[in-house]
Amino acid sequence: MPVARIKIISRNVKDANEIASQVKEIAKALNVKFKGPIPLPTRRHKITTRKTPCGDGSHTYERWEMRIYNRLLEIDGSDQALRQVMRIPVPDTVQIVLALSE
């Protein structure tokens, strides 16, 4: 039976955990084997810029950081479970990558 590997990528940790719990509930309701959600390392994108656009004045900087959270789930690839996973309403801050393997 094929295994579906679902990777959830989000800038908001609450949204990522909510989608992961919905997938987990679907797997439990259909009595399908699953693993996860496994939290993967958080990526941090840091940007430092000067406050003054012209370069004159004091040497003050603004520091910006964006964190990207990842969750990994594996469920058995039954047709019914995958159809229900595809019907989950996904917010704009979340991206889902679905891969099937033998």
C-alpha atoms as a PDB file:
ATOM      1  CA  MET A   1       0.000   0.000   0.000  1.00  0.00           C
ATOM      2  CA  PRO A   2       1.401   3.445  -0.875  1.00  0.00           C
ATOM      3  CA  VAL A   3       2.333   5.887   1.848  1.00  0.00           C
ATOM      4  CA  ALA A   4       1.381   9.565   1.631  1.00  0.00           C
ATOM      5  CA  ARG A   5       3.941  11.971   3.071  1.00  0.00           C
ATOM      6  CA  ILE A   6       2.350  15.313   3.924  1.00  0.00           C
ATOM      7  CA  LYS A   7       4.580  18.302   4.614  1.00  0.00           C
ATOM      8  CA  ILE A   8       2.943  21.394   6.106  1.00  0.00           C
ATOM      9  CA  ILE A   9       4.819  24.693   5.728  1.00  0.00           C
ATOM     10  CA  SER A  10       3.608  27.873   7.411  1.00  0.00           C
ATOM     11  CA  ARG A  11       4.665  31.258   8.768  1.00  0.00           C
ATOM     12  CA  ASN A  12       2.137  30.867  11.588  1.00  0.00           C
ATOM     13  CA  VAL A  13       2.742  27.978  14.008  1.00  0.00           C
ATOM     14  CA  LYS A  14      -0.888  27.923  15.149  1.00  0.00           C
ATOM     15  CA  ASP A  15      -2.160  27.383  11.587  1.00  0.00           C
ATOM     16  CA  ALA A  16       0.401  24.628  10.934  1.00  0.00           C
ATOM     17  CA  ASN A  17      -0.570  22.761  14.105  1.00  0.00           C
ATOM     18  CA  GLU A  18      -4.288  23.144  13.344  1.00  0.00           C
ATOM     19  CA  ILE A  19      -3.953  21.615   9.862  1.00  0.00           C
ATOM     20  CA  ALA A  20      -1.775  18.806  11.266  1.00  0.00           C
ATOM     21  CA  SER A  21      -4.398  17.994  13.912  1.00  0.00           C
ATOM     22  CA  GLN A  22      -7.139  17.914  11.256  1.00  0.00           C
ATOM     23  CA  VAL A  23      -5.145  15.409   9.180  1.00  0.00           C
ATOM     24  CA  LYS A  24      -4.540  13.356  12.318  1.00  0.00           C
ATOM     25  CA  GLU A  25      -8.284  13.305  13.134  1.00  0.00           C
ATOM     26  CA  ILE A  26      -9.090  12.139   9.594  1.00  0.00           C
ATOM     27  CA  ALA A  27      -6.592   9.285   9.923  1.00  0.00           C
ATOM     28  CA  LYS A  28      -8.040   8.271  13.310  1.00  0.00           C
ATOM     29  CA  ALA A  29     -11.638   8.423  12.046  1.00  0.00           C
ATOM     30  CA  LEU A  30     -10.857   6.177   9.066  1.00  0.00           C
ATOM     31  CA  ASN A  31      -8.677   3.833  11.156  1.00  0.00           C
ATOM     32  CA  VAL A  32      -5.627   4.402   8.939  1.00  0.00           C
ATOM     33  CA  LYS A  33      -2.038   4.058  10.166  1.00  0.00           C
ATOM     34  CA  PHE A  34      -0.255   7.368  10.577  1.00  0.00           C
ATOM     35  CA  LYS A  35       2.912   8.907  12.020  1.00  0.00           C
ATOM     36  CA  GLY A  36       3.297  12.437  13.209  1.00  0.00           C
ATOM     37  CA  PRO A  37       3.018  15.312  13.280  1.00  0.00           C
ATOM     38  CA  ILE A  38       6.802  15.482  13.396  1.00  0.00           C
ATOM     39  CA  PRO A  39       8.103  19.043  13.911  1.00  0.00           C
ATOM     40  CA  LEU A  40      10.970  19.753  11.539  1.00  0.00           C
ATOM     41  CA  PRO A  41      13.568  22.474  12.248  1.00  0.00           C
ATOM     42  CA  THR A  42      12.285  26.033  12.012  1.00  0.00           C
ATOM     43  CA  ARG A  43      13.936  28.141   9.321  1.00  0.00           C
ATOM     44  CA  ARG A  44      14.732  31.733  10.255  1.00  0.00           C
ATOM     45  CA  HIS A  45      15.218  34.386   7.611  1.00  0.00           C
ATOM     46  CA  LYS A  46      16.921  37.451   9.096  1.00  0.00           C
ATOM     47  CA  ILE A  47      17.296  40.804   7.335  1.00  0.00           C
ATOM     48  CA  THR A  48      19.152  43.819   8.736  1.00  0.00           C
ATOM     49  CA  THR A  49      18.681  47.212   7.056  1.00  0.00           C
ATOM     50  CA  ARG A  50      19.739  50.795   7.741  1.00  0.00           C
ATOM     51  CA  LYS A  51      16.949  53.041   9.039  1.00  0.00           C
ATOM     52  CA  THR A  52      17.976  56.043   6.972  1.00  0.00           C
ATOM     53  CA  PRO A  53      17.579  55.612   3.212  1.00  0.00           C
ATOM     54  CA  CYS A  54      20.268  58.168   2.300  1.00  0.00           C
ATOM     55  CA  GLY A  55      23.061  56.773   4.488  1.00  0.00           C
ATOM     56  CA  ASP A  56      23.579  59.991   6.471  1.00  0.00           C
ATOM     57  CA  GLY A  57      22.853  60.315  10.157  1.00  0.00           C
ATOM     58  CA  SER A  58      23.379  57.828  12.938  1.00  0.00           C
ATOM     59  CA  HIS A  59      24.229  54.236  12.267  1.00  0.00           C
ATOM     60  CA  THR A  60      20.931  52.705  13.349  1.00  0.00           C
ATOM     61  CA  TYR A  61      19.590  49.454  11.990  1.00  0.00           C
ATOM     62  CA  GLU A  62      16.281  47.624  11.863  1.00  0.00           C
ATOM     63  CA  ARG A  63      16.308  43.874  12.263  1.00  0.00           C
ATOM     64  CA  TRP A  64      13.558  41.773  10.724  1.00  0.00           C
ATOM     65  CA  GLU A  65      12.993  38.043  11.152  1.00  0.00           C
ATOM     66  CA  MET A  66      10.567  35.647   9.493  1.00  0.00           C
ATOM     67  CA  ARG A  67      10.176  32.131  10.864  1.00  0.00           C
ATOM     68  CA  ILE A  68       8.959  29.241   8.744  1.00  0.00           C
ATOM     69  CA  TYR A  69       7.525  26.247  10.598  1.00  0.00           C
ATOM     70  CA  ASN A  70       7.411  22.736   9.121  1.00  0.00           C
ATOM     71  CA  ARG A  71       5.422  19.673  10.156  1.00  0.00           C
ATOM     72  CA  LEU A  72       5.654  16.201   8.614  1.00  0.00           C
ATOM     73  CA  LEU A  73       2.931  13.531   8.649  1.00  0.00           C
ATOM     74  CA  GLU A  74       2.847  10.088   7.073  1.00  0.00           C
ATOM     75  CA  ILE A  75      -0.409   8.209   6.491  1.00  0.00           C
ATOM     76  CA  ASP A  76      -1.265   5.098   4.527  1.00  0.00           C
ATOM     77  CA  GLY A  77      -2.428   6.137   1.082  1.00  0.00           C
ATOM     78  CA  SER A  78      -6.030   4.961   1.061  1.00  0.00           C
ATOM     79  CA  ASP A  79      -8.175   6.774  -1.508  1.00  0.00           C
ATOM     80  CA  GLN A  80     -10.813   7.808   1.001  1.00  0.00           C
ATOM     81  CA  ALA A  81      -8.283   9.316   3.435  1.00  0.00           C
ATOM     82  CA  LEU A  82      -6.477  11.272   0.708  1.00  0.00           C
ATOM     83  CA  ARG A  83      -9.752  12.667  -0.650  1.00  0.00           C
ATOM     84  CA  GLN A  84     -10.702  13.945   2.786  1.00  0.00           C
ATOM     85  CA  VAL A  85      -7.244  15.456   3.314  1.00  0.00           C
ATOM     86  CA  MET A  86      -7.576  17.312   0.002  1.00  0.00           C
ATOM     87  CA  ARG A  87     -10.910  18.801   1.177  1.00  0.00           C
ATOM     88  CA  ILE A  88      -9.423  20.496   4.268  1.00  0.00           C
ATOM     89  CA  PRO A  89      -9.799  24.282   4.003  1.00  0.00           C
ATOM     90  CA  VAL A  90      -6.264  25.672   4.008  1.00  0.00           C
ATOM     91  CA  PRO A  91      -5.536  29.283   5.077  1.00  0.00           C
ATOM     92  CA  ASP A  92      -3.358  31.539   2.920  1.00  0.00           C
ATOM     93  CA  THR A  93      -0.444  31.278   5.373  1.00  0.00           C
ATOM     94  CA  VAL A  94      -0.156  27.489   4.950  1.00  0.00           C
ATOM     95  CA  GLN A  95       1.302  25.451   2.113  1.00  0.00           C
ATOM     96  CA  ILE A  96       0.803  21.679   1.877  1.00  0.00           C
ATOM     97  CA  VAL A  97       3.075  19.366  -0.103  1.00  0.00           C
ATOM     98  CA  LEU A  98       1.703  15.871  -0.689  1.00  0.00           C
ATOM     99  CA  ALA A  99       3.960  13.088  -1.985  1.00  0.00           C
ATOM    100  CA  LEU A 100       3.074   9.431  -2.575  1.00  0.00           C
ATOM    101  CA  SER A 101       5.639   6.654  -2.328  1.00  0.00           C
ATOM    102  CA  GLU A 102       5.587   2.867  -2.346  1.00  0.00           C
END
